[in-house]
Amino acid sequence: MSEVPTRQIRAAHTDSTITVYQAYAPHLGLPAARDGRFPPDWKRERMTWVKPSFLWMMYRCGWATKAGQETVLAVEIDRAGFDGALRGACLSHYASGVHADRASWKRSLARSPARVQWDPERDLHLNPLPYRSLQLGLSGTASAAYADEWTVSIRDVTPLVREIHGLVRSGATEAARALLPVETVYPAGPLDHLRA
């Protein structure tokens, strides 16, 4: 197997969509999955973070056991929206190799409705791997567009999460791995401004 680059987007995707994951309390997650749209009380003005990596989402929500994260959603969104957010995104932290100075980074952060973090990818036991996984934060116009324009479908994958977690806990690692969503390299185009 070839070595995985330190920063690379891997996701379930089609020619027109990419699947990202989020976890919510049931009062938000269940209506979203039922209706295929985020409910009116989903706060469109707040920063929302989407994760293309299923296992990173499992790390973040503790296999759907953390309070307020008991419902895991697979949100299929329009690639054009996702790609546009990436092109206009800013790193969530200052990086000397990318930004001229801290002031220019702060200016970029203030005007960008999207930001990127690269966090260690996780294995089935949620241990960190030597390469990173993308988190995309959306705020303002990008958050509203995500909820109301880019969303193609929303599925509640909590039963799958519980099934995989049960297999992992029982030591059936290969059976658990066979149920994971298939994530392949996502053709995002140049991401030099997000490589730090």
Protein backbone atom coordinates (compact mmCIF):
# COMPACT_ATOMS: atom_id res chain seq x y z
CA MET A 1 0.00 0.00 0.00
CA SER A 2 1.38 3.41 -0.91
CA GLU A 3 2.01 5.94 1.81
CA VAL A 4 -0.90 8.25 2.56
CA PRO A 5 -0.02 11.97 2.26
CA THR A 6 -0.11 13.87 5.55
CA ARG A 7 -3.04 16.00 4.36
CA GLN A 8 -5.48 14.50 1.95
CA ILE A 9 -9.28 14.56 1.76
CA ARG A 10 -10.77 11.06 1.74
CA ALA A 11 -14.53 10.74 1.49
CA ALA A 12 -17.50 8.86 0.13
CA HIS A 13 -18.36 10.80 -3.03
CA THR A 14 -20.03 10.64 -6.40
CA ASP A 15 -19.61 12.79 -9.49
CA SER A 16 -21.87 15.43 -7.97
CA THR A 17 -21.94 14.88 -4.18
CA ILE A 18 -19.72 14.31 -1.16
CA THR A 19 -20.85 12.76 2.12
CA VAL A 20 -19.90 14.46 5.37
CA TYR A 21 -20.74 13.48 8.94
CA GLN A 22 -22.12 15.35 11.92
CA ALA A 23 -23.51 14.25 15.28
CA TYR A 24 -26.40 15.92 17.09
CA ALA A 25 -28.75 15.45 19.97
CA PRO A 26 -31.83 13.46 18.89
CA HIS A 27 -34.11 16.53 18.95
CA LEU A 28 -32.11 17.94 16.01
CA GLY A 29 -30.73 14.83 14.34
CA LEU A 30 -33.90 12.78 14.09
CA PRO A 31 -36.06 15.47 12.41
CA ALA A 32 -33.18 16.26 10.03
CA ALA A 33 -32.96 12.62 8.92
CA ARG A 34 -36.74 12.24 8.75
CA ASP A 35 -37.25 15.35 6.60
CA GLY A 36 -33.97 15.32 4.68
CA ARG A 37 -33.44 18.92 5.80
CA PHE A 38 -32.14 20.59 8.92
CA PRO A 39 -35.04 21.75 11.11
CA PRO A 40 -35.83 25.44 11.68
CA ASP A 41 -34.21 25.38 15.15
CA TRP A 42 -30.87 24.32 13.63
CA LYS A 43 -28.84 27.51 14.12
CA ARG A 44 -27.81 28.64 10.66
CA GLU A 45 -25.84 31.62 11.99
CA ARG A 46 -23.45 29.46 14.04
CA MET A 47 -20.24 27.78 12.96
CA THR A 48 -20.90 24.15 12.03
CA TRP A 49 -18.12 21.61 11.42
CA VAL A 50 -18.46 18.84 8.85
CA LYS A 51 -16.20 15.81 8.63
CA PRO A 52 -15.74 13.67 5.50
CA SER A 53 -14.09 10.94 7.61
CA PHE A 54 -16.49 8.48 9.26
CA LEU A 55 -13.87 7.28 11.77
CA TRP A 56 -12.86 10.82 12.73
CA MET A 57 -16.53 11.47 13.43
CA MET A 58 -16.60 8.32 15.60
CA TYR A 59 -13.65 9.67 17.55
CA ARG A 60 -15.38 13.02 17.99
CA CYS A 61 -18.74 11.61 19.11
CA GLY A 62 -17.42 8.54 20.95
CA TRP A 63 -19.39 6.15 18.74
CA ALA A 64 -22.55 8.21 19.39
CA THR A 65 -22.20 7.97 23.19
CA LYS A 66 -21.29 11.58 24.02
CA ALA A 67 -24.02 13.85 25.35
CA GLY A 68 -25.58 15.91 22.58
CA GLN A 69 -23.99 13.68 19.90
CA GLU A 70 -26.16 10.58 20.12
CA THR A 71 -27.50 10.83 16.55
CA VAL A 72 -24.93 10.51 13.76
CA LEU A 73 -25.93 11.91 10.39
CA ALA A 74 -24.47 11.21 6.96
CA VAL A 75 -25.15 14.40 5.02
CA GLU A 76 -24.79 14.16 1.26
CA ILE A 77 -24.04 17.60 -0.12
CA ASP A 78 -23.42 19.19 -3.49
CA ARG A 79 -19.76 19.06 -4.48
CA ALA A 80 -19.89 22.52 -6.04
CA GLY A 81 -20.80 24.03 -2.66
CA PHE A 82 -18.17 22.00 -0.81
CA ASP A 83 -15.47 22.82 -3.37
CA GLY A 84 -16.34 26.52 -3.30
CA ALA A 85 -16.10 26.56 0.49
CA LEU A 86 -12.70 24.87 0.32
CA ARG A 87 -11.38 27.34 -2.27
CA GLY A 88 -12.38 30.27 -0.06
CA ALA A 89 -11.45 28.66 3.25
CA CYS A 90 -8.79 29.83 5.66
CA LEU A 91 -6.79 27.68 8.05
CA SER A 92 -8.21 27.84 11.57
CA HIS A 93 -4.71 28.55 12.91
CA TYR A 94 -1.78 30.72 11.85
CA ALA A 95 0.85 28.95 9.72
CA SER A 96 4.07 30.77 8.87
CA GLY A 97 4.54 28.88 5.60
CA VAL A 98 1.09 29.88 4.35
CA HIS A 99 0.41 33.34 5.77
CA ALA A 100 2.67 36.38 5.44
CA ASP A 101 2.14 37.20 9.13
CA ARG A 102 -0.41 36.82 11.92
CA ALA A 103 -2.22 40.01 10.91
CA SER A 104 -2.83 38.76 7.36
CA TRP A 105 -4.05 35.40 8.73
CA LYS A 106 -6.50 37.24 11.03
CA ARG A 107 -7.78 39.28 8.09
CA SER A 108 -8.30 36.11 6.05
CA LEU A 109 -10.06 34.46 8.98
CA ALA A 110 -12.38 37.45 9.44
CA ARG A 111 -13.51 37.54 5.80
CA SER A 112 -13.78 33.80 5.14
CA PRO A 113 -17.03 31.98 5.94
CA ALA A 114 -15.12 28.66 5.92
CA ARG A 115 -12.15 27.39 7.86
CA VAL A 116 -10.12 24.20 7.82
CA GLN A 117 -8.50 22.07 10.48
CA TRP A 118 -6.40 18.98 9.83
CA ASP A 119 -6.66 16.48 12.69
CA PRO A 120 -5.06 13.04 13.04
CA GLU A 121 -7.13 10.41 11.23
CA ARG A 122 -8.31 7.51 13.42
CA ASP A 123 -8.32 3.74 13.12
CA LEU A 124 -11.16 1.43 14.17
CA HIS A 125 -10.00 1.64 17.80
CA LEU A 126 -9.93 5.45 17.46
CA ASN A 127 -6.15 5.57 17.83
CA PRO A 128 -4.45 8.39 15.91
CA LEU A 129 -2.88 7.57 12.54
CA PRO A 130 0.20 9.34 11.10
CA TYR A 131 -1.85 11.25 8.53
CA ARG A 132 -4.57 13.83 8.91
CA SER A 133 -8.24 14.21 8.18
CA LEU A 134 -10.11 17.34 7.13
CA GLN A 135 -12.63 19.21 9.22
CA LEU A 136 -14.42 22.02 7.41
CA GLY A 137 -16.00 24.74 9.52
CA LEU A 138 -18.82 26.73 7.94
CA SER A 139 -20.23 29.99 9.26
CA GLY A 140 -22.48 32.80 8.08
CA THR A 141 -23.42 32.47 4.42
CA ALA A 142 -21.61 29.12 4.08
CA SER A 143 -23.45 27.59 7.04
CA ALA A 144 -26.83 28.73 5.70
CA ALA A 145 -25.98 27.48 2.20
CA TYR A 146 -24.90 24.10 3.61
CA ALA A 147 -28.23 23.67 5.39
CA ASP A 148 -30.55 25.11 2.77
CA GLU A 149 -28.87 24.80 -0.65
CA TRP A 150 -26.11 22.18 -0.73
CA THR A 151 -27.90 19.39 1.14
CA VAL A 152 -29.04 16.57 -1.13
CA SER A 153 -29.95 14.01 1.55
CA ILE A 154 -29.56 13.35 5.27
CA ARG A 155 -29.43 9.81 6.67
CA ASP A 156 -29.39 8.68 10.28
CA VAL A 157 -26.46 6.24 10.41
CA THR A 158 -26.61 5.73 14.19
CA PRO A 159 -27.69 2.05 13.83
CA LEU A 160 -24.66 1.42 11.61
CA VAL A 161 -22.44 3.22 14.13
CA ARG A 162 -23.71 0.98 16.94
CA GLU A 163 -23.28 -2.16 14.86
CA ILE A 164 -19.69 -1.33 13.93
CA HIS A 165 -18.86 -0.31 17.49
CA GLY A 166 -20.30 -3.58 18.83
CA LEU A 167 -18.14 -5.58 16.43
CA VAL A 168 -15.04 -3.59 17.40
CA ARG A 169 -15.74 -4.15 21.10
CA SER A 170 -16.21 -7.90 20.54
CA GLY A 171 -12.90 -8.14 18.67
CA ALA A 172 -14.47 -8.75 15.24
CA THR A 173 -12.25 -6.14 13.60
CA GLU A 174 -12.49 -7.44 10.03
CA ALA A 175 -16.29 -7.66 10.20
CA ALA A 176 -16.35 -4.11 11.55
CA ARG A 177 -14.02 -2.87 8.81
CA ALA A 178 -16.23 -4.45 6.14
CA LEU A 179 -19.14 -2.24 7.25
CA LEU A 180 -17.24 1.06 7.09
CA PRO A 181 -18.30 3.53 4.41
CA VAL A 182 -15.96 3.39 1.42
CA GLU A 183 -13.86 6.57 1.42
CA THR A 184 -11.54 7.31 -1.48
CA VAL A 185 -9.32 10.25 -2.33
CA TYR A 186 -11.47 13.28 -3.06
CA PRO A 187 -10.37 15.32 -6.10
CA ALA A 188 -10.43 18.69 -4.40
CA GLY A 189 -7.96 20.48 -6.66
CA PRO A 190 -5.15 22.69 -5.36
CA LEU A 191 -5.20 23.17 -1.59
CA ASP A 192 -1.88 24.92 -1.10
CA HIS A 193 -3.53 27.63 0.98
CA LEU A 194 -4.70 24.89 3.41
CA ARG A 195 -1.59 22.71 3.64
CA ALA A 196 -0.01 23.89 6.90
